[in-house]
Protein backbone atom coordinates (compact mmCIF):
# COMPACT_ATOMS: atom_id res chain seq x y z
CA MET A 1 -24.90 48.93 -37.28
CA THR A 2 -24.30 52.58 -38.73
CA ALA A 3 -23.19 53.78 -35.25
CA TYR A 4 -20.72 51.85 -35.15
CA LYS A 5 -19.19 52.38 -38.32
CA GLU A 6 -19.88 56.12 -37.66
CA ASN A 7 -17.54 56.27 -34.45
CA TYR A 8 -15.36 53.32 -35.13
CA ASP A 9 -11.99 55.79 -34.89
CA ASP A 10 -13.41 57.59 -31.18
CA ILE A 11 -13.41 54.04 -29.89
CA LYS A 12 -10.49 53.70 -28.23
CA TRP A 13 -9.14 49.73 -28.47
CA THR A 14 -6.90 48.35 -25.94
CA ALA A 15 -5.40 44.42 -25.74
CA VAL A 16 -6.75 42.59 -23.08
CA PRO A 17 -4.54 40.68 -21.01
CA HIS A 18 -4.70 36.71 -21.94
CA VAL A 19 -6.53 35.27 -18.44
CA ARG A 20 -5.12 31.40 -18.08
CA LYS A 21 -7.33 29.13 -17.05
CA ALA A 22 -6.31 27.02 -14.63
CA PRO A 23 -5.54 23.41 -15.28
CA VAL A 24 -8.63 20.92 -14.57
CA ASP A 25 -7.61 18.44 -11.94
CA TYR A 26 -8.97 15.03 -13.80
CA SER A 27 -7.59 13.02 -10.72
CA SER A 28 -10.24 12.72 -8.97
CA LYS A 29 -12.48 11.79 -12.27
CA ARG A 30 -13.25 7.84 -12.69
CA SER A 31 -13.10 7.21 -16.32
CA HIS A 32 -15.51 5.08 -17.80
CA LEU A 33 -13.83 3.41 -20.33
CA ALA A 34 -11.54 0.01 -19.07
CA ALA A 35 -8.20 0.28 -19.50
CA PRO A 36 -5.00 -2.37 -19.16
CA TYR A 37 -3.42 -2.34 -15.76
CA VAL A 38 0.14 -2.66 -15.40
CA LEU A 39 1.68 -3.75 -11.93
CA GLY A 40 5.36 -2.80 -11.76
CA ASP A 41 7.61 -5.60 -10.56
CA TYR A 42 9.28 -6.05 -7.09
CA LYS A 43 12.15 -4.02 -6.10
CA PRO A 44 15.20 -6.73 -4.95
CA TYR A 45 14.99 -7.53 -2.06
CA ALA A 46 16.76 -10.06 0.53
CA CYS A 47 15.54 -13.19 1.62
CA PRO A 48 15.27 -13.49 5.39
CA ILE A 49 15.70 -17.06 5.63
CA THR A 50 18.07 -17.81 3.11
CA GLY A 51 19.64 -14.21 2.73
CA LYS A 52 19.67 -14.37 -0.75
CA THR A 53 18.52 -11.93 -3.21
CA VAL A 54 14.96 -12.40 -4.77
CA ASP A 55 14.62 -10.14 -7.56
CA GLY A 56 10.74 -9.89 -9.09
CA ARG A 57 7.52 -11.09 -8.73
CA LYS A 58 8.47 -15.11 -10.21
CA GLU A 59 11.49 -15.06 -7.56
CA HIS A 60 9.16 -13.93 -4.81
CA ARG A 61 6.43 -16.39 -5.47
CA ASP A 62 9.25 -19.00 -6.11
CA ASN A 63 10.31 -17.90 -2.80
CA LEU A 64 7.59 -18.17 -0.64
CA GLU A 65 6.87 -21.62 -1.92
CA ALA A 66 9.58 -23.06 -1.16
CA HIS A 67 9.84 -22.33 2.33
CA GLY A 68 6.27 -22.94 2.68
CA CYS A 69 4.85 -19.33 3.19
CA ARG A 70 2.48 -17.21 2.35
CA VAL A 71 1.43 -13.65 1.35
CA HIS A 72 -0.91 -12.16 4.46
CA GLU A 73 -4.27 -12.16 3.55
CA LYS A 74 -5.88 -8.52 3.81
CA GLY A 75 -6.52 -7.11 8.09
CA GLU A 76 -4.27 -9.96 9.00
CA PHE A 77 -1.63 -8.11 10.01
CA GLU A 78 -3.80 -5.58 11.46
CA ASP A 79 -5.37 -8.32 13.91
CA VAL A 80 -1.98 -9.83 14.92
CA LYS A 81 -1.10 -6.36 15.89
CA LYS A 82 -4.06 -6.17 17.92
CA ASN A 83 -4.17 -10.02 19.40
CA GLY A 84 -0.84 -10.57 18.97
CA LYS A 85 0.40 -9.87 22.65
CA LYS A 86 -2.45 -11.55 24.13
CA ARG A 87 -1.98 -14.57 22.21
CA ILE A 88 2.33 -14.42 23.04
CA GLU A 89 1.19 -14.15 26.96
CA ALA A 90 -1.18 -17.07 27.12
CA SER A 91 1.41 -19.36 25.29
CA MET A 92 4.39 -18.26 28.03
CA ASP A 93 1.61 -18.61 30.75
CA ALA A 94 1.29 -22.26 29.81
CA ALA A 95 4.51 -22.91 28.75
CA ILE A 96 5.29 -21.69 32.65
CA ASP A 97 2.71 -23.94 33.97
CA LYS A 98 4.18 -26.88 31.92
CA SER A 99 7.66 -25.99 33.39
CA VAL A 100 6.46 -26.01 36.93
CA ASP A 101 3.99 -28.99 37.05
CA ALA A 102 7.64 -30.80 35.61
CA ILE A 103 9.42 -29.64 38.06
CA ALA A 104 6.68 -30.18 41.13
CA ARG A 105 6.46 -33.37 39.89
CA GLN A 106 10.47 -34.43 40.29
CA ILE A 107 10.20 -32.70 43.46
CA ASP A 108 7.44 -34.88 44.76
CA PHE A 109 9.23 -38.23 43.27
């Protein structure tokens, strides 16, 4: 320690620039603490059946119930996109077969 005291005047003191640390990203870390989850309200939209404006979760739920509708289950929409065309074509084929049979019966009478 004495060497430090003896050459204190010989030391060249320079300011060290302030180094900023990068901000820590906590978005990928899950907290172990439970916290309440608040859902926002639905934005207003026009009902496709009546054209009336539906504003909020309660009105949305009441509107679905009034028209006998329901919310799609998870994966249901993907199933419709995947198999919907096959179902439509099958129902069209059945309708065409029924029409052809009806016309054939009229001709044979």
